[in-house]
PDB file of all heavy atoms in Angstrom:
ATOM      1  N   ILE A   1      42.430 133.780 120.182  1.00  0.00           N
ATOM      2  CA  ILE A   1      43.730 133.645 119.503  1.00  0.00           C
ATOM      3  C   ILE A   1      44.859 133.949 120.479  1.00  0.00           C
ATOM      4  O   ILE A   1      45.868 133.237 120.520  1.00  0.00           O
ATOM      5  CB  ILE A   1      43.785 134.560 118.265  1.00  0.00           C
ATOM      6  CG1 ILE A   1      42.820 134.041 117.197  1.00  0.00           C
ATOM      7  CG2 ILE A   1      45.207 134.647 117.714  1.00  0.00           C
ATOM      8  CD1 ILE A   1      42.609 134.986 116.040  1.00  0.00           C
ATOM      9  N   LEU A   2      44.694 134.988 121.287  1.00  0.00           N
ATOM     10  CA  LEU A   2      45.723 135.331 122.269  1.00  0.00           C
ATOM     11  C   LEU A   2      45.890 134.239 123.320  1.00  0.00           C
ATOM     12  O   LEU A   2      47.006 133.980 123.779  1.00  0.00           O
ATOM     13  CB  LEU A   2      45.400 136.663 122.939  1.00  0.00           C
ATOM     14  CG  LEU A   2      45.502 137.900 122.046  1.00  0.00           C
ATOM     15  CD1 LEU A   2      45.052 139.138 122.807  1.00  0.00           C
ATOM     16  CD2 LEU A   2      46.905 138.072 121.510  1.00  0.00           C
ATOM     17  N   VAL A   3      44.787 133.587 123.698  1.00  0.00           N
ATOM     18  CA  VAL A   3      44.857 132.496 124.671  1.00  0.00           C
ATOM     19  C   VAL A   3      45.671 131.336 124.124  1.00  0.00           C
ATOM     20  O   VAL A   3      46.399 130.664 124.863  1.00  0.00           O
ATOM     21  CB  VAL A   3      43.439 132.045 125.091  1.00  0.00           C
ATOM     22  CG1 VAL A   3      43.461 130.704 125.784  1.00  0.00           C
ATOM     23  CG2 VAL A   3      42.794 133.087 125.971  1.00  0.00           C
ATOM     24  N   SER A   4      45.587 131.098 122.804  1.00  0.00           N
ATOM     25  CA  SER A   4      46.361 129.995 122.224  1.00  0.00           C
ATOM     26  C   SER A   4      47.866 130.262 122.298  1.00  0.00           C
ATOM     27  O   SER A   4      48.657 129.326 122.305  1.00  0.00           O
ATOM     28  CB  SER A   4      45.930 129.744 120.784  1.00  0.00           C
ATOM     29  OG  SER A   4      46.298 130.820 119.947  1.00  0.00           O
ATOM     30  N   PHE A   5      48.256 131.535 122.376  1.00  0.00           N
ATOM     31  CA  PHE A   5      49.679 131.871 122.498  1.00  0.00           C
ATOM     32  C   PHE A   5      50.130 131.946 123.953  1.00  0.00           C
ATOM     33  O   PHE A   5      51.239 131.550 124.282  1.00  0.00           O
ATOM     34  CB  PHE A   5      49.983 133.208 121.812  1.00  0.00           C
ATOM     35  CG  PHE A   5      49.853 133.152 120.323  1.00  0.00           C
ATOM     36  CD1 PHE A   5      48.925 133.942 119.672  1.00  0.00           C
ATOM     37  CD2 PHE A   5      50.645 132.306 119.572  1.00  0.00           C
ATOM     38  CE1 PHE A   5      48.793 133.895 118.293  1.00  0.00           C
ATOM     39  CE2 PHE A   5      50.529 132.249 118.193  1.00  0.00           C
ATOM     40  CZ  PHE A   5      49.598 133.038 117.556  1.00  0.00           C
ATOM     41  N   ALA A   6      49.291 132.493 124.809  1.00  0.00           N
ATOM     42  CA  ALA A   6      49.640 132.647 126.217  1.00  0.00           C
ATOM     43  C   ALA A   6      48.464 132.180 127.064  1.00  0.00           C
ATOM     44  O   ALA A   6      47.425 132.846 127.123  1.00  0.00           O
ATOM     45  CB  ALA A   6      49.974 134.100 126.523  1.00  0.00           C
ATOM     46  N   ASP A   7      48.636 131.046 127.692  1.00  0.00           N
ATOM     47  CA  ASP A   7      47.549 130.441 128.462  1.00  0.00           C
ATOM     48  C   ASP A   7      47.114 131.306 129.648  1.00  0.00           C
ATOM     49  O   ASP A   7      46.007 131.177 130.137  1.00  0.00           O
ATOM     50  CB  ASP A   7      47.987 129.062 128.945  1.00  0.00           C
ATOM     51  CG  ASP A   7      46.826 128.170 129.276  1.00  0.00           C
ATOM     52  OD1 ASP A   7      45.772 128.327 128.626  1.00  0.00           O
ATOM     53  OD2 ASP A   7      46.962 127.323 130.178  1.00  0.00           O
ATOM     54  N   VAL A   8      47.970 132.200 130.069  1.00  0.00           N
ATOM     55  CA  VAL A   8      47.656 133.088 131.192  1.00  0.00           C
ATOM     56  C   VAL A   8      46.465 133.997 130.848  1.00  0.00           C
ATOM     57  O   VAL A   8      45.685 134.374 131.715  1.00  0.00           O
ATOM     58  CB  VAL A   8      48.891 133.936 131.569  1.00  0.00           C
ATOM     59  CG1 VAL A   8      48.577 134.941 132.646  1.00  0.00           C
ATOM     60  CG2 VAL A   8      50.038 133.036 131.964  1.00  0.00           C
ATOM     61  N   LEU A   9      46.306 134.308 129.582  1.00  0.00           N
ATOM     62  CA  LEU A   9      45.224 135.196 129.154  1.00  0.00           C
ATOM     63  C   LEU A   9      43.852 134.526 129.177  1.00  0.00           C
ATOM     64  O   LEU A   9      42.845 135.178 128.919  1.00  0.00           O
ATOM     65  CB  LEU A   9      45.514 135.737 127.759  1.00  0.00           C
ATOM     66  CG  LEU A   9      46.724 136.663 127.655  1.00  0.00           C
ATOM     67  CD1 LEU A   9      46.980 137.041 126.212  1.00  0.00           C
ATOM     68  CD2 LEU A   9      46.530 137.893 128.508  1.00  0.00           C
ATOM     69  N   SER A  10      43.800 133.241 129.490  1.00  0.00           N
ATOM     70  CA  SER A  10      42.509 132.561 129.549  1.00  0.00           C
ATOM     71  C   SER A  10      41.630 133.162 130.643  1.00  0.00           C
ATOM     72  O   SER A  10      40.407 133.175 130.527  1.00  0.00           O
ATOM     73  CB  SER A  10      42.691 131.065 129.762  1.00  0.00           C
ATOM     74  OG  SER A  10      43.337 130.815 130.986  1.00  0.00           O
ATOM     75  N   ILE A  11      42.241 133.676 131.686  1.00  0.00           N
ATOM     76  CA  ILE A  11      41.473 134.336 132.754  1.00  0.00           C
ATOM     77  C   ILE A  11      40.804 135.592 132.203  1.00  0.00           C
ATOM     78  O   ILE A  11      39.641 135.863 132.494  1.00  0.00           O
ATOM     79  CB  ILE A  11      42.383 134.669 133.954  1.00  0.00           C
ATOM     80  CG1 ILE A  11      42.877 133.380 134.590  1.00  0.00           C
ATOM     81  CG2 ILE A  11      41.667 135.545 134.969  1.00  0.00           C
ATOM     82  CD1 ILE A  11      43.948 133.570 135.624  1.00  0.00           C
ATOM     83  N   LEU A  12      41.531 136.347 131.383  1.00  0.00           N
ATOM     84  CA  LEU A  12      40.960 137.548 130.770  1.00  0.00           C
ATOM     85  C   LEU A  12      39.796 137.183 129.849  1.00  0.00           C
ATOM     86  O   LEU A  12      38.753 137.852 129.865  1.00  0.00           O
ATOM     87  CB  LEU A  12      42.045 138.305 129.992  1.00  0.00           C
ATOM     88  CG  LEU A  12      41.613 139.579 129.290  1.00  0.00           C
ATOM     89  CD1 LEU A  12      41.143 140.617 130.295  1.00  0.00           C
ATOM     90  CD2 LEU A  12      42.749 140.121 128.450  1.00  0.00           C
ATOM     91  N   ALA A  13      39.953 136.125 129.073  1.00  0.00           N
ATOM     92  CA  ALA A  13      38.882 135.686 128.179  1.00  0.00           C
ATOM     93  C   ALA A  13      37.660 135.234 128.972  1.00  0.00           C
ATOM     94  O   ALA A  13      36.516 135.538 128.603  1.00  0.00           O
ATOM     95  CB  ALA A  13      39.377 134.563 127.275  1.00  0.00           C
ATOM     96  N   LEU A  14      37.891 134.535 130.073  1.00  0.00           N
ATOM     97  CA  LEU A  14      36.785 134.090 130.921  1.00  0.00           C
ATOM     98  C   LEU A  14      36.061 135.281 131.539  1.00  0.00           C
ATOM     99  O   LEU A  14      34.830 135.337 131.545  1.00  0.00           O
ATOM    100  CB  LEU A  14      37.302 133.160 132.015  1.00  0.00           C
ATOM    101  CG  LEU A  14      36.267 132.705 133.039  1.00  0.00           C
ATOM    102  CD1 LEU A  14      35.224 131.821 132.369  1.00  0.00           C
ATOM    103  CD2 LEU A  14      36.932 131.996 134.184  1.00  0.00           C
ATOM    104  N   LEU A  15      36.814 136.254 132.032  1.00  0.00           N
ATOM    105  CA  LEU A  15      36.202 137.452 132.616  1.00  0.00           C
ATOM    106  C   LEU A  15      35.394 138.234 131.589  1.00  0.00           C
ATOM    107  O   LEU A  15      34.313 138.747 131.891  1.00  0.00           O
ATOM    108  CB  LEU A  15      37.277 138.340 133.253  1.00  0.00           C
ATOM    109  CG  LEU A  15      37.913 137.809 134.521  1.00  0.00           C
ATOM    110  CD1 LEU A  15      39.029 138.730 134.988  1.00  0.00           C
ATOM    111  CD2 LEU A  15      36.869 137.633 135.611  1.00  0.00           C
ATOM    112  N   TYR A  16      35.927 138.330 130.372  1.00  0.00           N
ATOM    113  CA  TYR A  16      35.191 139.027 129.315  1.00  0.00           C
ATOM    114  C   TYR A  16      33.880 138.303 128.999  1.00  0.00           C
ATOM    115  O   TYR A  16      32.838 138.937 128.832  1.00  0.00           O
ATOM    116  CB  TYR A  16      36.042 139.158 128.047  1.00  0.00           C
ATOM    117  CG  TYR A  16      35.321 139.869 126.937  1.00  0.00           C
ATOM    118  CD1 TYR A  16      35.186 141.244 126.953  1.00  0.00           C
ATOM    119  CD2 TYR A  16      34.745 139.161 125.895  1.00  0.00           C
ATOM    120  CE1 TYR A  16      34.500 141.915 125.955  1.00  0.00           C
ATOM    121  CE2 TYR A  16      34.060 139.813 124.891  1.00  0.00           C
ATOM    122  CZ  TYR A  16      33.938 141.184 124.920  1.00  0.00           C
ATOM    123  OH  TYR A  16      33.248 141.832 123.932  1.00  0.00           O
ATOM    124  N   SER A  17      33.940 136.980 128.930  1.00  0.00           N
ATOM    125  CA  SER A  17      32.731 136.201 128.651  1.00  0.00           C
ATOM    126  C   SER A  17      31.694 136.379 129.749  1.00  0.00           C
ATOM    127  O   SER A  17      30.504 136.550 129.469  1.00  0.00           O
ATOM    128  CB  SER A  17      33.071 134.721 128.509  1.00  0.00           C
ATOM    129  OG  SER A  17      33.919 134.512 127.426  1.00  0.00           O
ATOM    130  N   LEU A  18      32.126 136.330 130.993  1.00  0.00           N
ATOM    131  CA  LEU A  18      31.199 136.507 132.109  1.00  0.00           C
ATOM    132  C   LEU A  18      30.642 137.923 132.157  1.00  0.00           C
ATOM    133  O   LEU A  18      29.457 138.121 132.440  1.00  0.00           O
ATOM    134  CB  LEU A  18      31.896 136.174 133.431  1.00  0.00           C
ATOM    135  CG  LEU A  18      32.218 134.699 133.660  1.00  0.00           C
ATOM    136  CD1 LEU A  18      33.029 134.532 134.947  1.00  0.00           C
ATOM    137  CD2 LEU A  18      30.954 133.872 133.702  1.00  0.00           C
ATOM    138  N   ALA A  19      31.482 138.900 131.866  1.00  0.00           N
ATOM    139  CA  ALA A  19      31.032 140.293 131.881  1.00  0.00           C
ATOM    140  C   ALA A  19      30.030 140.573 130.777  1.00  0.00           C
ATOM    141  O   ALA A  19      29.198 141.477 130.905  1.00  0.00           O
ATOM    142  CB  ALA A  19      32.226 141.234 131.752  1.00  0.00           C
ATOM    143  N   GLY A  20      30.065 139.820 129.692  1.00  0.00           N
ATOM    144  CA  GLY A  20      29.191 140.066 128.562  1.00  0.00           C
ATOM    145  C   GLY A  20      27.812 139.427 128.660  1.00  0.00           C
ATOM    146  O   GLY A  20      26.953 139.672 127.814  1.00  0.00           O
ATOM    147  N   ILE A  21      27.566 138.628 129.688  1.00  0.00           N
ATOM    148  CA  ILE A  21      26.277 137.935 129.790  1.00  0.00           C
ATOM    149  C   ILE A  21      25.124 138.918 129.965  1.00  0.00           C
ATOM    150  O   ILE A  21      24.148 138.889 129.210  1.00  0.00           O
ATOM    151  CB  ILE A  21      26.303 136.902 130.932  1.00  0.00           C
ATOM    152  CG1 ILE A  21      27.250 135.761 130.571  1.00  0.00           C
ATOM    153  CG2 ILE A  21      24.904 136.361 131.218  1.00  0.00           C
ATOM    154  CD1 ILE A  21      27.492 134.776 131.699  1.00  0.00           C
ATOM    155  N   ILE A  22      25.203 139.783 130.946  1.00  0.00           N
ATOM    156  CA  ILE A  22      24.102 140.724 131.222  1.00  0.00           C
ATOM    157  C   ILE A  22      23.929 141.739 130.088  1.00  0.00           C
ATOM    158  O   ILE A  22      22.807 141.964 129.647  1.00  0.00           O
ATOM    159  CB  ILE A  22      24.315 141.431 132.573  1.00  0.00           C
ATOM    160  CG1 ILE A  22      24.402 140.384 133.660  1.00  0.00           C
ATOM    161  CG2 ILE A  22      23.257 142.488 132.825  1.00  0.00           C
ATOM    162  CD1 ILE A  22      23.245 140.173 134.536  1.00  0.00           C
ATOM    163  N   PRO A  23      25.011 142.370 129.582  1.00  0.00           N
ATOM    164  CA  PRO A  23      24.816 143.298 128.460  1.00  0.00           C
ATOM    165  C   PRO A  23      24.225 142.613 127.225  1.00  0.00           C
ATOM    166  O   PRO A  23      23.392 143.189 126.532  1.00  0.00           O
ATOM    167  CB  PRO A  23      26.220 143.823 128.160  1.00  0.00           C
ATOM    168  CG  PRO A  23      26.973 143.634 129.409  1.00  0.00           C
ATOM    169  CD  PRO A  23      26.395 142.410 130.051  1.00  0.00           C
ATOM    170  N   GLY A  24      24.627 141.375 126.964  1.00  0.00           N
ATOM    171  CA  GLY A  24      24.069 140.641 125.821  1.00  0.00           C
ATOM    172  C   GLY A  24      22.598 140.334 126.010  1.00  0.00           C
ATOM    173  O   GLY A  24      21.802 140.429 125.077  1.00  0.00           O
ATOM    174  N   LEU A  25      22.227 139.976 127.226  1.00  0.00           N
ATOM    175  CA  LEU A  25      20.822 139.707 127.521  1.00  0.00           C
ATOM    176  C   LEU A  25      19.992 140.988 127.385  1.00  0.00           C
ATOM    177  O   LEU A  25      18.906 140.978 126.790  1.00  0.00           O
ATOM    178  CB  LEU A  25      20.696 139.130 128.930  1.00  0.00           C
ATOM    179  CG  LEU A  25      19.306 138.751 129.393  1.00  0.00           C
ATOM    180  CD1 LEU A  25      18.738 137.646 128.516  1.00  0.00           C
ATOM    181  CD2 LEU A  25      19.339 138.307 130.845  1.00  0.00           C
ATOM    182  N   ALA A  26      20.505 142.097 127.913  1.00  0.00           N
ATOM    183  CA  ALA A  26      19.792 143.374 127.807  1.00  0.00           C
ATOM    184  C   ALA A  26      19.648 143.794 126.347  1.00  0.00           C
ATOM    185  O   ALA A  26      18.585 144.279 125.925  1.00  0.00           O
ATOM    186  CB  ALA A  26      20.521 144.452 128.601  1.00  0.00           C
ATOM    187  N   LEU A  27      20.696 143.605 125.557  1.00  0.00           N
ATOM    188  CA  LEU A  27      20.647 143.943 124.136  1.00  0.00           C
ATOM    189  C   LEU A  27      19.594 143.097 123.417  1.00  0.00           C
ATOM    190  O   LEU A  27      18.819 143.616 122.604  1.00  0.00           O
ATOM    191  CB  LEU A  27      22.026 143.731 123.504  1.00  0.00           C
ATOM    192  CG  LEU A  27      22.170 144.073 122.036  1.00  0.00           C
ATOM    193  CD1 LEU A  27      22.080 145.587 121.839  1.00  0.00           C
ATOM    194  CD2 LEU A  27      23.486 143.548 121.498  1.00  0.00           C
ATOM    195  N   SER A  28      19.542 141.819 123.723  1.00  0.00           N
ATOM    196  CA  SER A  28      18.554 140.931 123.101  1.00  0.00           C
ATOM    197  C   SER A  28      17.127 141.334 123.465  1.00  0.00           C
ATOM    198  O   SER A  28      16.242 141.340 122.610  1.00  0.00           O
ATOM    199  CB  SER A  28      18.795 139.482 123.533  1.00  0.00           C
ATOM    200  OG  SER A  28      20.046 139.029 123.104  1.00  0.00           O
ATOM    201  N   ILE A  29      16.921 141.693 124.715  1.00  0.00           N
ATOM    202  CA  ILE A  29      15.585 142.102 125.149  1.00  0.00           C
ATOM    203  C   ILE A  29      15.187 143.408 124.477  1.00  0.00           C
ATOM    204  O   ILE A  29      14.043 143.557 124.012  1.00  0.00           O
ATOM    205  CB  ILE A  29      15.527 142.192 126.690  1.00  0.00           C
ATOM    206  CG1 ILE A  29      15.577 140.781 127.265  1.00  0.00           C
ATOM    207  CG2 ILE A  29      14.282 142.944 127.155  1.00  0.00           C
ATOM    208  CD1 ILE A  29      15.699 140.712 128.764  1.00  0.00           C
ATOM    209  N   ARG A  30      16.112 144.363 124.375  1.00  0.00           N
ATOM    210  CA  ARG A  30      15.782 145.619 123.677  1.00  0.00           C
ATOM    211  C   ARG A  30      15.489 145.366 122.200  1.00  0.00           C
ATOM    212  O   ARG A  30      14.639 146.028 121.604  1.00  0.00           O
ATOM    213  CB  ARG A  30      16.919 146.626 123.856  1.00  0.00           C
ATOM    214  CG  ARG A  30      17.014 147.199 125.243  1.00  0.00           C
ATOM    215  CD  ARG A  30      17.919 148.416 125.319  1.00  0.00           C
ATOM    216  NE  ARG A  30      19.218 148.233 124.698  1.00  0.00           N
ATOM    217  CZ  ARG A  30      20.303 147.797 125.331  1.00  0.00           C
ATOM    218  NH1 ARG A  30      20.236 147.471 126.605  1.00  0.00           N
ATOM    219  NH2 ARG A  30      21.448 147.680 124.684  1.00  0.00           N
ATOM    220  N   ARG A  31      16.182 144.393 121.594  1.00  0.00           N
ATOM    221  CA  ARG A  31      15.911 144.055 120.188  1.00  0.00           C
ATOM    222  C   ARG A  31      14.512 143.464 120.050  1.00  0.00           C
ATOM    223  O   ARG A  31      13.791 143.770 119.108  1.00  0.00           O
ATOM    224  CB  ARG A  31      16.978 143.067 119.681  1.00  0.00           C
ATOM    225  CG  ARG A  31      16.763 142.613 118.278  1.00  0.00           C
ATOM    226  CD  ARG A  31      16.988 143.757 117.281  1.00  0.00           C
ATOM    227  NE  ARG A  31      16.323 143.420 116.047  1.00  0.00           N
ATOM    228  CZ  ARG A  31      15.335 144.097 115.499  1.00  0.00           C
ATOM    229  NH1 ARG A  31      14.906 145.204 116.045  1.00  0.00           N
ATOM    230  NH2 ARG A  31      14.769 143.700 114.392  1.00  0.00           N
ATOM    231  N   LEU A  32      14.108 142.616 120.982  1.00  0.00           N
ATOM    232  CA  LEU A  32      12.757 142.058 120.955  1.00  0.00           C
ATOM    233  C   LEU A  32      11.719 143.161 121.142  1.00  0.00           C
ATOM    234  O   LEU A  32      10.661 143.135 120.507  1.00  0.00           O
ATOM    235  CB  LEU A  32      12.598 140.975 122.024  1.00  0.00           C
ATOM    236  CG  LEU A  32      13.327 139.668 121.739  1.00  0.00           C
ATOM    237  CD1 LEU A  32      13.339 138.780 122.977  1.00  0.00           C
ATOM    238  CD2 LEU A  32      12.695 138.945 120.566  1.00  0.00           C
ATOM    239  N   HIS A  33      12.007 144.123 121.988  1.00  0.00           N
ATOM    240  CA  HIS A  33      11.091 145.261 122.167  1.00  0.00           C
ATOM    241  C   HIS A  33      10.923 146.036 120.859  1.00  0.00           C
ATOM    242  O   HIS A  33       9.847 146.559 120.587  1.00  0.00           O
ATOM    243  CB  HIS A  33      11.612 146.213 123.244  1.00  0.00           C
ATOM    244  CG  HIS A  33      11.483 145.675 124.629  1.00  0.00           C
ATOM    245  ND1 HIS A  33      12.036 146.307 125.701  1.00  0.00           N
ATOM    246  CD2 HIS A  33      10.873 144.572 125.125  1.00  0.00           C
ATOM    247  CE1 HIS A  33      11.762 145.629 126.806  1.00  0.00           C
ATOM    248  NE2 HIS A  33      11.067 144.562 126.468  1.00  0.00           N
ATOM    249  N   ASP A  34      11.981 146.107 120.067  1.00  0.00           N
ATOM    250  CA  ASP A  34      11.926 146.859 118.818  1.00  0.00           C
ATOM    251  C   ASP A  34      10.972 146.237 117.809  1.00  0.00           C
ATOM    252  O   ASP A  34      10.447 146.923 116.944  1.00  0.00           O
ATOM    253  CB  ASP A  34      13.330 146.968 118.210  1.00  0.00           C
ATOM    254  CG  ASP A  34      13.402 148.014 117.115  1.00  0.00           C
ATOM    255  OD1 ASP A  34      12.901 149.133 117.336  1.00  0.00           O
ATOM    256  OD2 ASP A  34      13.956 147.708 116.050  1.00  0.00           O
ATOM    257  N   ILE A  35      10.746 144.931 117.908  1.00  0.00           N
ATOM    258  CA  ILE A  35       9.787 144.285 117.000  1.00  0.00           C
ATOM    259  C   ILE A  35       8.445 144.062 117.696  1.00  0.00           C
ATOM    260  O   ILE A  35       7.623 143.274 117.249  1.00  0.00           O
ATOM    261  CB  ILE A  35      10.335 142.958 116.422  1.00  0.00           C
ATOM    262  CG1 ILE A  35      10.651 141.964 117.520  1.00  0.00           C
ATOM    263  CG2 ILE A  35      11.518 143.225 115.528  1.00  0.00           C
ATOM    264  CD1 ILE A  35      10.939 140.571 117.016  1.00  0.00           C
ATOM    265  N   ASN A  36       8.269 144.769 118.829  1.00  0.00           N
ATOM    266  CA  ASN A  36       7.016 144.762 119.579  1.00  0.00           C
ATOM    267  C   ASN A  36       6.739 143.404 120.229  1.00  0.00           C
ATOM    268  O   ASN A  36       5.602 142.962 120.317  1.00  0.00           O
ATOM    269  CB  ASN A  36       5.842 145.210 118.704  1.00  0.00           C
ATOM    270  CG  ASN A  36       4.761 145.894 119.512  1.00  0.00           C
ATOM    271  OD1 ASN A  36       4.990 146.305 120.645  1.00  0.00           O
ATOM    272  ND2 ASN A  36       3.585 146.019 118.933  1.00  0.00           N
ATOM    273  N   LYS A  37       7.780 142.732 120.669  1.00  0.00           N
ATOM    274  CA  LYS A  37       7.660 141.465 121.400  1.00  0.00           C
ATOM    275  C   LYS A  37       8.126 141.691 122.837  1.00  0.00           C
ATOM    276  O   LYS A  37       8.989 142.517 123.111  1.00  0.00           O
ATOM    277  CB  LYS A  37       8.531 140.371 120.779  1.00  0.00           C
ATOM    278  CG  LYS A  37       8.205 140.027 119.360  1.00  0.00           C
ATOM    279  CD  LYS A  37       7.180 138.945 119.315  1.00  0.00           C
ATOM    280  CE  LYS A  37       6.957 138.508 117.878  1.00  0.00           C
ATOM    281  NZ  LYS A  37       5.592 138.209 117.612  1.00  0.00           N
TER     282      LYS A  37
END
């Protein structure tokens, strides 16, 4: 929503998306471990 108002913030949104890849993957793997997979 902020990017739609100020295009300059698209860099911040991109950085957040890139920063979230590894934590999201780790979270998914820990969730699979919880169901014994």
